[in-house]
Amino acid sequence: MHHTKQTRNPIKNTLLTWLDEARPIQSQSTNDEVIHQLRVCMKRQQAALALHRHDLSVHSQKTKKLQKNCRELANALAQSRDTAVMLALLTQLNQITPSVSFKSLTQHLNPTKSSPCNWEQINKKWNAIKKGIHHLTWPEQTTLENTHQLLRKTYPKLKRQSLKAIESSKPETLHTCRKQIKQWCYQRELIHKQGQKDQQFKQLGHYLGAIHDIDMLRMYFLPQNNIQISDRIWLEQTTQQLRQKYLKQCQSLLQKKQTV
């Protein structure tokens, strides 16, 4: 009876549902979207655990181990995902301003050169995470309403931080801001509600994600000595133009007033 009562906790149920929906299937291991959704699931788990860390303080060691497993699983899939994202961005840039050396540049990002995922280890980690969620005892005060109240308190501060980050336009500051926004959006998904601020921050997260992808592409290519000068100039110009476009969209979006 004790186990049945705990599995009825709405937050715990949501974590288990997210996990089951993203169960790793080795036959789909070459599908970039499958890898992406599994990584998103791990980010969601970490966001939920971070939001309710005080409620779960009695299980601090179990919670830390669960967060560690989620982080390690996400990291195990990172290289494959990052390669696919940079290749897609390079293709987008070439569509905006064609490059005569596009094919040679894509060879540097051949996904087959990435380290393959160890799906046996990934499934093992996934099972450990599910077991860890089941073993957590959630207090009665951990409700959807309690979750909503926690998020209402964090919204104004996050919006102020976002404005400062965009004004600075520094890659590391924007990346930190993006992670905070993504975490807040994942936490909002726990209460199954969608409002104006959700759409605002999701769109903002999308823009900041695009900026991060651009910065990652620049960091990957520009330091390389075997890139031709013409390709380097093309990358500098196209990425900078697209980056400025997204920064302006971020500023415009945050100027709009949203209801909480």
C-alpha atoms as a PDB file:
ATOM      1  CA  MET A   1       0.000   0.000   0.000  1.00  0.00           C
ATOM      2  CA  HIS A   2       2.849   2.333   0.790  1.00  0.00           C
ATOM      3  CA  HIS A   3       4.309   1.910  -2.710  1.00  0.00           C
ATOM      4  CA  THR A   4       0.913   2.482  -4.341  1.00  0.00           C
ATOM      5  CA  LYS A   5       0.383   5.689  -2.419  1.00  0.00           C
ATOM      6  CA  GLN A   6       3.762   7.057  -3.462  1.00  0.00           C
ATOM      7  CA  THR A   7       3.356   6.282  -7.141  1.00  0.00           C
ATOM      8  CA  ARG A   8       0.190   8.386  -7.100  1.00  0.00           C
ATOM      9  CA  ASN A   9       2.189  11.500  -6.354  1.00  0.00           C
ATOM     10  CA  PRO A  10       1.589  13.717  -9.446  1.00  0.00           C
ATOM     11  CA  ILE A  11       5.220  14.831  -9.732  1.00  0.00           C
ATOM     12  CA  LYS A  12       6.549  11.306  -9.434  1.00  0.00           C
ATOM     13  CA  ASN A  13       4.009  10.077 -11.986  1.00  0.00           C
ATOM     14  CA  THR A  14       5.115  12.743 -14.454  1.00  0.00           C
ATOM     15  CA  LEU A  15       8.800  11.842 -14.060  1.00  0.00           C
ATOM     16  CA  LEU A  16       8.052   8.177 -14.731  1.00  0.00           C
ATOM     17  CA  THR A  17       5.857   9.037 -17.730  1.00  0.00           C
ATOM     18  CA  TRP A  18       8.608  11.209 -19.236  1.00  0.00           C
ATOM     19  CA  LEU A  19      11.087   8.398 -18.706  1.00  0.00           C
ATOM     20  CA  ASP A  20       8.898   5.743 -20.341  1.00  0.00           C
ATOM     21  CA  GLU A  21       8.187   7.989 -23.337  1.00  0.00           C
ATOM     22  CA  ALA A  22      11.929   8.408 -23.965  1.00  0.00           C
ATOM     23  CA  ARG A  23      12.968   4.785 -23.380  1.00  0.00           C
ATOM     24  CA  PRO A  24      16.150   4.141 -25.422  1.00  0.00           C
ATOM     25  CA  ILE A  25      15.648   1.699 -28.315  1.00  0.00           C
ATOM     26  CA  GLN A  26      18.863   0.456 -29.893  1.00  0.00           C
ATOM     27  CA  SER A  27      17.225  -0.151 -33.289  1.00  0.00           C
ATOM     28  CA  GLN A  28      16.577   3.601 -33.463  1.00  0.00           C
ATOM     29  CA  SER A  29      20.064   4.589 -32.307  1.00  0.00           C
ATOM     30  CA  THR A  30      20.850   6.384 -35.568  1.00  0.00           C
ATOM     31  CA  ASN A  31      17.766   8.570 -35.277  1.00  0.00           C
ATOM     32  CA  ASP A  32      18.878  12.043 -34.174  1.00  0.00           C
ATOM     33  CA  GLU A  33      15.407  12.865 -32.855  1.00  0.00           C
ATOM     34  CA  VAL A  34      15.372   9.761 -30.615  1.00  0.00           C
ATOM     35  CA  ILE A  35      18.732  10.779 -29.148  1.00  0.00           C
ATOM     36  CA  HIS A  36      17.510  14.364 -28.726  1.00  0.00           C
ATOM     37  CA  GLN A  37      14.320  13.343 -26.896  1.00  0.00           C
ATOM     38  CA  LEU A  38      16.256  11.094 -24.541  1.00  0.00           C
ATOM     39  CA  ARG A  39      18.586  13.974 -23.686  1.00  0.00           C
ATOM     40  CA  VAL A  40      15.593  16.284 -23.180  1.00  0.00           C
ATOM     41  CA  CYS A  41      14.088  13.724 -20.809  1.00  0.00           C
ATOM     42  CA  MET A  42      17.250  13.755 -18.706  1.00  0.00           C
ATOM     43  CA  LYS A  43      17.166  17.558 -18.556  1.00  0.00           C
ATOM     44  CA  ARG A  44      13.524  17.411 -17.460  1.00  0.00           C
ATOM     45  CA  GLN A  45      14.337  14.967 -14.679  1.00  0.00           C
ATOM     46  CA  GLN A  46      17.169  17.164 -13.416  1.00  0.00           C
ATOM     47  CA  ALA A  47      14.977  20.281 -13.552  1.00  0.00           C
ATOM     48  CA  ALA A  48      12.208  18.653 -11.507  1.00  0.00           C
ATOM     49  CA  LEU A  49      14.631  17.347  -8.901  1.00  0.00           C
ATOM     50  CA  ALA A  50      16.294  20.766  -8.634  1.00  0.00           C
ATOM     51  CA  LEU A  51      12.951  22.523  -8.100  1.00  0.00           C
ATOM     52  CA  HIS A  52      11.915  20.159  -5.288  1.00  0.00           C
ATOM     53  CA  ARG A  53      15.344  19.668  -3.735  1.00  0.00           C
ATOM     54  CA  HIS A  54      14.126  20.961  -0.353  1.00  0.00           C
ATOM     55  CA  ASP A  55      11.158  18.579  -0.364  1.00  0.00           C
ATOM     56  CA  LEU A  56      13.549  15.713  -1.097  1.00  0.00           C
ATOM     57  CA  SER A  57      16.266  16.807   1.362  1.00  0.00           C
ATOM     58  CA  VAL A  58      15.582  13.750   3.535  1.00  0.00           C
ATOM     59  CA  HIS A  59      16.735  11.682   0.539  1.00  0.00           C
ATOM     60  CA  SER A  60      19.683  13.917  -0.357  1.00  0.00           C
ATOM     61  CA  GLN A  61      22.062  11.046  -1.170  1.00  0.00           C
ATOM     62  CA  LYS A  62      19.484   9.230  -3.302  1.00  0.00           C
ATOM     63  CA  THR A  63      18.604  12.482  -5.058  1.00  0.00           C
ATOM     64  CA  LYS A  64      22.247  13.319  -5.770  1.00  0.00           C
ATOM     65  CA  LYS A  65      22.827   9.835  -7.202  1.00  0.00           C
ATOM     66  CA  LEU A  66      19.726  10.161  -9.383  1.00  0.00           C
ATOM     67  CA  GLN A  67      20.814  13.580 -10.654  1.00  0.00           C
ATOM     68  CA  LYS A  68      24.302  12.191 -11.353  1.00  0.00           C
ATOM     69  CA  ASN A  69      22.847   9.324 -13.406  1.00  0.00           C
ATOM     70  CA  CYS A  70      20.670  11.736 -15.410  1.00  0.00           C
ATOM     71  CA  ARG A  71      23.635  14.009 -16.079  1.00  0.00           C
ATOM     72  CA  GLU A  72      25.877  11.104 -17.147  1.00  0.00           C
ATOM     73  CA  LEU A  73      23.257   9.704 -19.514  1.00  0.00           C
ATOM     74  CA  ALA A  74      22.734  13.117 -21.135  1.00  0.00           C
ATOM     75  CA  ASN A  75      26.499  13.556 -21.520  1.00  0.00           C
ATOM     76  CA  ALA A  76      26.852  10.112 -23.111  1.00  0.00           C
ATOM     77  CA  LEU A  77      24.607  11.287 -25.947  1.00  0.00           C
ATOM     78  CA  ALA A  78      26.046  14.785 -26.259  1.00  0.00           C
ATOM     79  CA  GLN A  79      28.668  14.300 -28.983  1.00  0.00           C
ATOM     80  CA  SER A  80      26.315  12.587 -31.404  1.00  0.00           C
ATOM     81  CA  ARG A  81      23.675  15.260 -30.873  1.00  0.00           C
ATOM     82  CA  ASP A  82      26.099  18.215 -31.134  1.00  0.00           C
ATOM     83  CA  THR A  83      27.502  16.950 -34.437  1.00  0.00           C
ATOM     84  CA  ALA A  84      24.017  16.659 -35.948  1.00  0.00           C
ATOM     85  CA  VAL A  85      23.101  20.179 -34.747  1.00  0.00           C
ATOM     86  CA  MET A  86      26.227  21.794 -36.219  1.00  0.00           C
ATOM     87  CA  LEU A  87      25.718  19.994 -39.524  1.00  0.00           C
ATOM     88  CA  ALA A  88      22.121  21.257 -39.697  1.00  0.00           C
ATOM     89  CA  LEU A  89      23.250  24.815 -38.919  1.00  0.00           C
ATOM     90  CA  LEU A  90      25.968  24.682 -41.562  1.00  0.00           C
ATOM     91  CA  THR A  91      23.328  23.602 -44.085  1.00  0.00           C
ATOM     92  CA  GLN A  92      21.071  26.486 -43.001  1.00  0.00           C
ATOM     93  CA  LEU A  93      23.883  29.007 -43.428  1.00  0.00           C
ATOM     94  CA  ASN A  94      24.654  27.645 -46.885  1.00  0.00           C
ATOM     95  CA  GLN A  95      21.013  28.123 -47.879  1.00  0.00           C
ATOM     96  CA  ILE A  96      21.121  31.754 -46.757  1.00  0.00           C
ATOM     97  CA  THR A  97      24.481  32.537 -48.379  1.00  0.00           C
ATOM     98  CA  PRO A  98      25.846  29.681 -50.535  1.00  0.00           C
ATOM     99  CA  SER A  99      29.491  28.708 -50.062  1.00  0.00           C
ATOM    100  CA  VAL A 100      31.568  27.116 -52.814  1.00  0.00           C
ATOM    101  CA  SER A 101      33.347  25.023 -50.137  1.00  0.00           C
ATOM    102  CA  PHE A 102      30.208  23.796 -48.408  1.00  0.00           C
ATOM    103  CA  LYS A 103      30.919  20.117 -49.101  1.00  0.00           C
ATOM    104  CA  SER A 104      34.463  20.295 -47.780  1.00  0.00           C
ATOM    105  CA  LEU A 105      33.237  21.993 -44.604  1.00  0.00           C
ATOM    106  CA  THR A 106      30.579  19.329 -43.991  1.00  0.00           C
ATOM    107  CA  GLN A 107      33.254  16.648 -44.190  1.00  0.00           C
ATOM    108  CA  HIS A 108      34.661  18.049 -40.968  1.00  0.00           C
ATOM    109  CA  LEU A 109      31.275  17.324 -39.361  1.00  0.00           C
ATOM    110  CA  ASN A 110      30.600  13.864 -40.765  1.00  0.00           C
ATOM    111  CA  PRO A 111      28.326  12.269 -38.116  1.00  0.00           C
ATOM    112  CA  THR A 112      29.890   8.853 -38.766  1.00  0.00           C
ATOM    113  CA  LYS A 113      33.142  10.162 -37.318  1.00  0.00           C
ATOM    114  CA  SER A 114      31.455  10.695 -33.955  1.00  0.00           C
ATOM    115  CA  SER A 115      31.983   8.174 -31.193  1.00  0.00           C
ATOM    116  CA  PRO A 116      29.076   5.700 -31.375  1.00  0.00           C
ATOM    117  CA  CYS A 117      26.713   5.513 -28.420  1.00  0.00           C
ATOM    118  CA  ASN A 118      27.120   2.558 -26.082  1.00  0.00           C
ATOM    119  CA  TRP A 119      23.481   1.511 -26.003  1.00  0.00           C
ATOM    120  CA  GLU A 120      24.056  -1.287 -23.514  1.00  0.00           C
ATOM    121  CA  GLN A 121      25.406   1.212 -21.000  1.00  0.00           C
ATOM    122  CA  ILE A 122      22.684   3.712 -21.877  1.00  0.00           C
ATOM    123  CA  ASN A 123      19.930   1.175 -21.172  1.00  0.00           C
ATOM    124  CA  LYS A 124      21.647   0.192 -17.941  1.00  0.00           C
ATOM    125  CA  LYS A 125      21.754   3.838 -16.849  1.00  0.00           C
ATOM    126  CA  TRP A 126      18.114   4.354 -17.899  1.00  0.00           C
ATOM    127  CA  ASN A 127      17.011   1.420 -15.706  1.00  0.00           C
ATOM    128  CA  ALA A 128      19.013   2.796 -12.770  1.00  0.00           C
ATOM    129  CA  ILE A 129      17.273   6.157 -13.148  1.00  0.00           C
ATOM    130  CA  LYS A 130      13.812   4.571 -13.184  1.00  0.00           C
ATOM    131  CA  LYS A 131      14.677   2.559 -10.082  1.00  0.00           C
ATOM    132  CA  GLY A 132      15.952   5.709  -8.397  1.00  0.00           C
ATOM    133  CA  ILE A 133      12.700   7.599  -9.068  1.00  0.00           C
ATOM    134  CA  HIS A 134      10.648   4.717  -7.643  1.00  0.00           C
ATOM    135  CA  HIS A 135      12.732   4.716  -4.462  1.00  0.00           C
ATOM    136  CA  LEU A 136      12.167   8.406  -3.726  1.00  0.00           C
ATOM    137  CA  THR A 137       9.483   9.172  -1.142  1.00  0.00           C
ATOM    138  CA  TRP A 138       7.711  12.404  -2.018  1.00  0.00           C
ATOM    139  CA  PRO A 139       6.219  14.450   0.878  1.00  0.00           C
ATOM    140  CA  GLU A 140       2.505  15.217   0.857  1.00  0.00           C
ATOM    141  CA  GLN A 141       3.177  18.928   0.327  1.00  0.00           C
ATOM    142  CA  THR A 142       4.794  18.175  -3.044  1.00  0.00           C
ATOM    143  CA  THR A 143       1.699  18.950  -5.116  1.00  0.00           C
ATOM    144  CA  LEU A 144       0.968  20.616  -8.433  1.00  0.00           C
ATOM    145  CA  GLU A 145      -0.156  23.771  -6.606  1.00  0.00           C
ATOM    146  CA  ASN A 146       3.049  23.821  -4.572  1.00  0.00           C
ATOM    147  CA  THR A 147       5.036  23.478  -7.787  1.00  0.00           C
ATOM    148  CA  HIS A 148       3.091  26.326  -9.386  1.00  0.00           C
ATOM    149  CA  GLN A 149       3.809  28.619  -6.423  1.00  0.00           C
ATOM    150  CA  LEU A 150       7.544  27.881  -6.568  1.00  0.00           C
ATOM    151  CA  LEU A 151       7.646  28.786 -10.255  1.00  0.00           C
ATOM    152  CA  ARG A 152       5.642  32.009  -9.834  1.00  0.00           C
ATOM    153  CA  LYS A 153       8.328  33.222  -7.427  1.00  0.00           C
ATOM    154  CA  THR A 154      11.196  32.547  -9.816  1.00  0.00           C
ATOM    155  CA  TYR A 155       9.685  34.135 -12.957  1.00  0.00           C
ATOM    156  CA  PRO A 156      10.466  37.861 -12.295  1.00  0.00           C
ATOM    157  CA  LYS A 157      14.085  37.149 -11.344  1.00  0.00           C
ATOM    158  CA  LEU A 158      14.626  34.949 -14.390  1.00  0.00           C
ATOM    159  CA  LYS A 159      13.235  37.636 -16.695  1.00  0.00           C
ATOM    160  CA  ARG A 160      15.585  40.264 -15.230  1.00  0.00           C
ATOM    161  CA  GLN A 161      18.556  37.923 -15.602  1.00  0.00           C
ATOM    162  CA  SER A 162      17.574  37.231 -19.209  1.00  0.00           C
ATOM    163  CA  LEU A 163      17.545  40.933 -20.081  1.00  0.00           C
ATOM    164  CA  LYS A 164      21.019  41.432 -18.569  1.00  0.00           C
ATOM    165  CA  ALA A 165      22.411  38.382 -20.375  1.00  0.00           C
ATOM    166  CA  ILE A 166      21.115  39.534 -23.760  1.00  0.00           C
ATOM    167  CA  GLU A 167      22.479  43.029 -23.214  1.00  0.00           C
ATOM    168  CA  SER A 168      25.946  41.563 -22.567  1.00  0.00           C
ATOM    169  CA  SER A 169      25.666  39.203 -25.608  1.00  0.00           C
ATOM    170  CA  LYS A 170      28.639  37.185 -24.286  1.00  0.00           C
ATOM    171  CA  PRO A 171      28.486  33.507 -25.344  1.00  0.00           C
ATOM    172  CA  GLU A 172      29.071  32.095 -21.858  1.00  0.00           C
ATOM    173  CA  THR A 173      26.498  34.443 -20.268  1.00  0.00           C
ATOM    174  CA  LEU A 174      23.888  33.665 -22.907  1.00  0.00           C
ATOM    175  CA  HIS A 175      24.522  29.937 -22.544  1.00  0.00           C
ATOM    176  CA  THR A 176      23.993  30.090 -18.770  1.00  0.00           C
ATOM    177  CA  CYS A 177      20.817  32.100 -19.317  1.00  0.00           C
ATOM    178  CA  ARG A 178      19.588  29.555 -21.880  1.00  0.00           C
ATOM    179  CA  LYS A 179      20.097  26.674 -19.447  1.00  0.00           C
ATOM    180  CA  GLN A 180      18.164  28.523 -16.731  1.00  0.00           C
ATOM    181  CA  ILE A 181      15.288  29.252 -19.099  1.00  0.00           C
ATOM    182  CA  LYS A 182      15.166  25.675 -20.357  1.00  0.00           C
ATOM    183  CA  GLN A 183      15.135  24.428 -16.783  1.00  0.00           C
ATOM    184  CA  TRP A 184      12.231  26.760 -15.920  1.00  0.00           C
ATOM    185  CA  CYS A 185      10.261  25.591 -18.973  1.00  0.00           C
ATOM    186  CA  TYR A 186      10.813  21.951 -18.079  1.00  0.00           C
ATOM    187  CA  GLN A 187       9.678  22.657 -14.526  1.00  0.00           C
ATOM    188  CA  ARG A 188       6.533  24.344 -15.853  1.00  0.00           C
ATOM    189  CA  GLU A 189       5.714  21.146 -17.744  1.00  0.00           C
ATOM    190  CA  LEU A 190       5.278  19.437 -14.372  1.00  0.00           C
ATOM    191  CA  ILE A 191       2.016  21.302 -13.754  1.00  0.00           C
ATOM    192  CA  HIS A 192       0.651  20.728 -17.271  1.00  0.00           C
ATOM    193  CA  LYS A 193      -0.271  24.376 -17.773  1.00  0.00           C
ATOM    194  CA  GLN A 194       0.509  26.703 -20.647  1.00  0.00           C
ATOM    195  CA  GLY A 195       0.328  30.491 -20.408  1.00  0.00           C
ATOM    196  CA  GLN A 196       1.750  33.581 -22.062  1.00  0.00           C
ATOM    197  CA  LYS A 197       4.962  33.402 -20.075  1.00  0.00           C
ATOM    198  CA  ASP A 198       5.471  29.789 -21.127  1.00  0.00           C
ATOM    199  CA  GLN A 199       5.290  30.740 -24.788  1.00  0.00           C
ATOM    200  CA  GLN A 200       7.526  33.745 -24.157  1.00  0.00           C
ATOM    201  CA  PHE A 201      10.259  31.734 -22.468  1.00  0.00           C
ATOM    202  CA  LYS A 202       9.994  28.791 -24.876  1.00  0.00           C
ATOM    203  CA  GLN A 203      10.510  31.150 -27.797  1.00  0.00           C
ATOM    204  CA  LEU A 204      13.322  32.882 -25.936  1.00  0.00           C
ATOM    205  CA  GLY A 205      14.906  29.503 -25.254  1.00  0.00           C
ATOM    206  CA  HIS A 206      14.649  28.710 -28.961  1.00  0.00           C
ATOM    207  CA  TYR A 207      16.434  31.939 -29.938  1.00  0.00           C
ATOM    208  CA  LEU A 208      19.136  31.469 -27.298  1.00  0.00           C
ATOM    209  CA  GLY A 209      19.548  27.872 -28.421  1.00  0.00           C
ATOM    210  CA  ALA A 210      20.112  29.052 -31.980  1.00  0.00           C
ATOM    211  CA  ILE A 211      22.716  31.560 -30.741  1.00  0.00           C
ATOM    212  CA  HIS A 212      24.449  28.811 -28.755  1.00  0.00           C
ATOM    213  CA  ASP A 213      24.563  26.569 -31.835  1.00  0.00           C
ATOM    214  CA  ILE A 214      26.139  29.427 -33.798  1.00  0.00           C
ATOM    215  CA  ASP A 215      28.737  30.019 -31.079  1.00  0.00           C
ATOM    216  CA  MET A 216      29.522  26.284 -30.971  1.00  0.00           C
ATOM    217  CA  LEU A 217      29.998  26.203 -34.742  1.00  0.00           C
ATOM    218  CA  ARG A 218      32.334  29.201 -34.604  1.00  0.00           C
ATOM    219  CA  MET A 219      34.337  27.660 -31.759  1.00  0.00           C
ATOM    220  CA  TYR A 220      34.657  24.417 -33.713  1.00  0.00           C
ATOM    221  CA  PHE A 221      35.695  25.810 -37.091  1.00  0.00           C
ATOM    222  CA  LEU A 222      37.437  29.141 -36.676  1.00  0.00           C
ATOM    223  CA  PRO A 223      40.459  27.942 -34.634  1.00  0.00           C
ATOM    224  CA  GLN A 224      41.241  25.240 -37.225  1.00  0.00           C
ATOM    225  CA  ASN A 225      44.318  25.904 -39.358  1.00  0.00           C
ATOM    226  CA  ASN A 226      43.154  23.805 -42.313  1.00  0.00           C
ATOM    227  CA  ILE A 227      40.163  26.052 -43.049  1.00  0.00           C
ATOM    228  CA  GLN A 228      40.636  28.254 -46.100  1.00  0.00           C
ATOM    229  CA  ILE A 229      40.594  32.030 -45.625  1.00  0.00           C
ATOM    230  CA  SER A 230      37.529  32.396 -47.863  1.00  0.00           C
ATOM    231  CA  ASP A 231      35.651  29.799 -45.775  1.00  0.00           C
ATOM    232  CA  ARG A 232      36.714  31.516 -42.574  1.00  0.00           C
ATOM    233  CA  ILE A 233      35.401  34.853 -43.842  1.00  0.00           C
ATOM    234  CA  TRP A 234      32.155  33.210 -44.955  1.00  0.00           C
ATOM    235  CA  LEU A 235      31.664  31.618 -41.544  1.00  0.00           C
ATOM    236  CA  GLU A 236      32.474  34.852 -39.722  1.00  0.00           C
ATOM    237  CA  GLN A 237      30.020  36.908 -41.777  1.00  0.00           C
ATOM    238  CA  THR A 238      27.094  34.490 -41.969  1.00  0.00           C
ATOM    239  CA  THR A 239      27.198  33.434 -38.325  1.00  0.00           C
ATOM    240  CA  GLN A 240      27.546  37.009 -37.077  1.00  0.00           C
ATOM    241  CA  GLN A 241      24.576  38.179 -39.156  1.00  0.00           C
ATOM    242  CA  LEU A 242      22.380  35.341 -37.921  1.00  0.00           C
ATOM    243  CA  ARG A 243      23.515  35.838 -34.331  1.00  0.00           C
ATOM    244  CA  GLN A 244      22.590  39.538 -34.392  1.00  0.00           C
ATOM    245  CA  LYS A 245      19.198  38.678 -35.838  1.00  0.00           C
ATOM    246  CA  TYR A 246      18.425  36.296 -32.964  1.00  0.00           C
ATOM    247  CA  LEU A 247      19.694  38.775 -30.346  1.00  0.00           C
ATOM    248  CA  LYS A 248      17.297  41.428 -31.652  1.00  0.00           C
ATOM    249  CA  GLN A 249      14.440  38.928 -31.537  1.00  0.00           C
ATOM    250  CA  CYS A 250      15.318  38.133 -27.909  1.00  0.00           C
ATOM    251  CA  GLN A 251      15.271  41.805 -26.949  1.00  0.00           C
ATOM    252  CA  SER A 252      11.957  42.370 -28.701  1.00  0.00           C
ATOM    253  CA  LEU A 253      10.395  39.365 -27.024  1.00  0.00           C
ATOM    254  CA  LEU A 254      11.422  40.380 -23.510  1.00  0.00           C
ATOM    255  CA  GLN A 255      10.010  43.893 -23.939  1.00  0.00           C
ATOM    256  CA  LYS A 256       6.500  42.452 -24.191  1.00  0.00           C
ATOM    257  CA  LYS A 257       4.528  42.273 -20.972  1.00  0.00           C
ATOM    258  CA  GLN A 258       3.221  38.821 -20.080  1.00  0.00           C
ATOM    259  CA  THR A 259       0.705  37.739 -17.485  1.00  0.00           C
ATOM    260  CA  VAL A 260       1.940  35.351 -14.790  1.00  0.00           C
END
